[in-house]
Amino acid sequence: MTPTQRAAHRETLLRLRAELVAAGPERIQPNRTDPASTGVADEDAQALSEMHQALASQRNRERAQLLGRIDAALRTLATAPEDFGLCQACEEPIAARRLQLMPYATLCPACQARREPRLGGRRKNLTDYS
């Protein structure tokens, strides 16, 4: 990978990082709006409120993980630029298109598939459940 390509990836990573930080964390709505009351009067409203809290919490976790991957990629570019763009498992170059879409990628698609197999990735037949 050329220094110009690494510089372009660095700029993309910095832009992604700035967007994540500017967006801030997802706001987690409290179950109750009145401090004198407890919970939510309506059971459906309670379930909906809990679902919104779980979704917001999950989004915050995912954003934090993405921010960590971006920071790790920026550290690699700063400390070991020759290692940027190489798969951490097989040490082969990661495809340019993959790095263009995900400049924080650390694994090639084949190693990623081996490390994190998709759950339910193959078609199921009715006989699979008996």
Protein backbone atom coordinates (compact mmCIF):
# COMPACT_ATOMS: atom_id res chain seq x y z
CA MET A 1 0.00 0.00 0.00
CA THR A 2 1.34 3.39 -0.95
CA PRO A 3 1.75 6.29 1.48
CA THR A 4 -0.92 8.19 -0.48
CA GLN A 5 -3.40 5.35 0.02
CA ARG A 6 -2.57 5.20 3.72
CA ALA A 7 -3.08 8.95 4.00
CA ALA A 8 -6.49 8.63 2.32
CA HIS A 9 -7.47 5.87 4.75
CA ARG A 10 -6.27 7.99 7.66
CA GLU A 11 -8.45 10.88 6.51
CA THR A 12 -11.45 8.56 6.17
CA LEU A 13 -10.84 7.15 9.65
CA LEU A 14 -10.54 10.63 11.15
CA ARG A 15 -13.77 11.70 9.44
CA LEU A 16 -15.62 8.59 10.69
CA ARG A 17 -14.29 9.17 14.19
CA ALA A 18 -15.35 12.81 14.17
CA GLU A 19 -18.86 11.84 13.01
CA LEU A 20 -19.21 9.26 15.78
CA VAL A 21 -18.00 11.63 18.46
CA ALA A 22 -20.21 14.47 17.17
CA ALA A 23 -23.27 12.21 17.16
CA GLY A 24 -22.68 11.39 20.80
CA PRO A 25 -24.31 8.53 22.68
CA GLU A 26 -27.88 7.47 22.07
CA ARG A 27 -30.09 8.93 24.77
CA ILE A 28 -31.58 6.27 27.04
CA GLN A 29 -35.07 7.33 28.07
CA PRO A 30 -36.03 6.74 31.69
CA ASN A 31 -38.99 4.46 32.47
CA ARG A 32 -40.71 7.21 34.38
CA THR A 33 -41.02 10.90 33.80
CA ASP A 34 -42.43 11.84 37.19
CA PRO A 35 -40.00 11.27 40.08
CA ALA A 36 -42.92 10.65 42.44
CA SER A 37 -44.21 7.69 40.43
CA THR A 38 -42.63 4.28 39.93
CA GLY A 39 -42.43 2.49 36.61
CA VAL A 40 -44.99 3.09 33.88
CA ALA A 41 -48.72 2.78 34.53
CA ASP A 42 -49.45 0.94 31.29
CA GLU A 43 -47.85 -2.50 30.79
CA ASP A 44 -47.50 -1.91 27.04
CA ALA A 45 -45.81 1.42 27.67
CA GLN A 46 -43.46 -0.32 30.13
CA ALA A 47 -42.47 -2.95 27.57
CA LEU A 48 -41.99 -0.32 24.88
CA SER A 49 -39.89 1.80 27.22
CA GLU A 50 -37.68 -1.18 28.11
CA MET A 51 -37.29 -2.07 24.44
CA HIS A 52 -36.19 1.51 23.64
CA GLN A 53 -33.69 1.39 26.49
CA ALA A 54 -32.27 -1.92 25.28
CA LEU A 55 -31.97 -0.64 21.70
CA ALA A 56 -30.28 2.59 22.79
CA SER A 57 -27.89 0.66 25.01
CA GLN A 58 -27.02 -1.75 22.17
CA ARG A 59 -26.40 1.16 19.78
CA ASN A 60 -24.11 2.80 22.33
CA ARG A 61 -22.17 -0.46 22.75
CA GLU A 62 -21.80 -0.82 18.98
CA ARG A 63 -20.67 2.81 18.60
CA ALA A 64 -18.09 2.34 21.35
CA GLN A 65 -16.77 -0.81 19.68
CA LEU A 66 -16.58 0.93 16.31
CA LEU A 67 -14.78 3.87 17.88
CA GLY A 68 -12.30 1.42 19.42
CA ARG A 69 -11.68 -0.24 16.04
CA ILE A 70 -11.17 3.17 14.40
CA ASP A 71 -8.73 4.22 17.13
CA ALA A 72 -6.83 0.94 16.75
CA ALA A 73 -6.56 1.48 12.98
CA LEU A 74 -5.30 5.03 13.52
CA ARG A 75 -2.71 3.73 16.02
CA THR A 76 -1.56 1.14 13.48
CA LEU A 77 -1.21 3.84 10.84
CA ALA A 78 0.85 5.94 13.26
CA THR A 79 3.08 3.25 14.76
CA ALA A 80 3.33 0.50 12.12
CA PRO A 81 2.03 1.84 8.80
CA GLU A 82 3.43 -1.13 6.89
CA ASP A 83 1.04 -3.40 8.83
CA PHE A 84 -2.06 -1.37 7.97
CA GLY A 85 -4.20 -3.20 5.43
CA LEU A 86 -2.79 -6.63 6.23
CA CYS A 87 -5.02 -9.33 7.68
CA GLN A 88 -4.09 -9.96 11.30
CA ALA A 89 -4.75 -13.69 10.91
CA CYS A 90 -3.20 -14.69 7.57
CA GLU A 91 -1.06 -11.56 6.96
CA GLU A 92 -2.34 -11.27 3.39
CA PRO A 93 -3.38 -7.86 2.05
CA ILE A 94 -7.02 -6.95 2.70
CA ALA A 95 -8.84 -6.11 -0.52
CA ALA A 96 -8.79 -2.41 -1.41
CA ARG A 97 -12.57 -2.29 -1.76
CA ARG A 98 -13.03 -3.74 1.74
CA LEU A 99 -10.65 -1.15 3.19
CA GLN A 100 -12.42 1.57 1.26
CA LEU A 101 -15.73 0.58 2.85
CA MET A 102 -14.32 -0.33 6.27
CA PRO A 103 -10.89 1.26 6.75
CA TYR A 104 -10.85 -0.17 10.28
CA ALA A 105 -11.06 -3.79 9.02
CA THR A 106 -8.37 -6.03 10.49
CA LEU A 107 -9.31 -9.32 8.82
CA CYS A 108 -9.78 -10.40 5.22
CA PRO A 109 -13.26 -11.78 4.41
CA ALA A 110 -12.10 -15.41 4.57
CA CYS A 111 -10.53 -15.05 8.02
CA GLN A 112 -13.49 -12.98 9.23
CA ALA A 113 -15.85 -15.77 8.12
CA ARG A 114 -13.78 -18.38 9.96
CA ARG A 115 -13.55 -16.30 13.13
CA GLU A 116 -17.20 -15.21 13.24
CA PRO A 117 -19.39 -17.71 11.41
CA ARG A 118 -22.85 -16.41 10.68
CA LEU A 119 -25.50 -17.90 12.88
CA GLY A 120 -28.09 -19.66 10.74
CA GLY A 121 -26.00 -18.95 7.68
CA ARG A 122 -27.21 -21.93 5.72
CA ARG A 123 -30.71 -22.66 4.56
CA LYS A 124 -32.72 -24.83 6.96
CA ASN A 125 -35.00 -27.65 5.95
CA LEU A 126 -38.03 -28.81 7.85
CA THR A 127 -36.22 -32.04 8.62
CA ASP A 128 -33.43 -30.08 10.38
CA TYR A 129 -35.77 -29.43 13.30
CA SER A 130 -36.89 -32.99 14.01
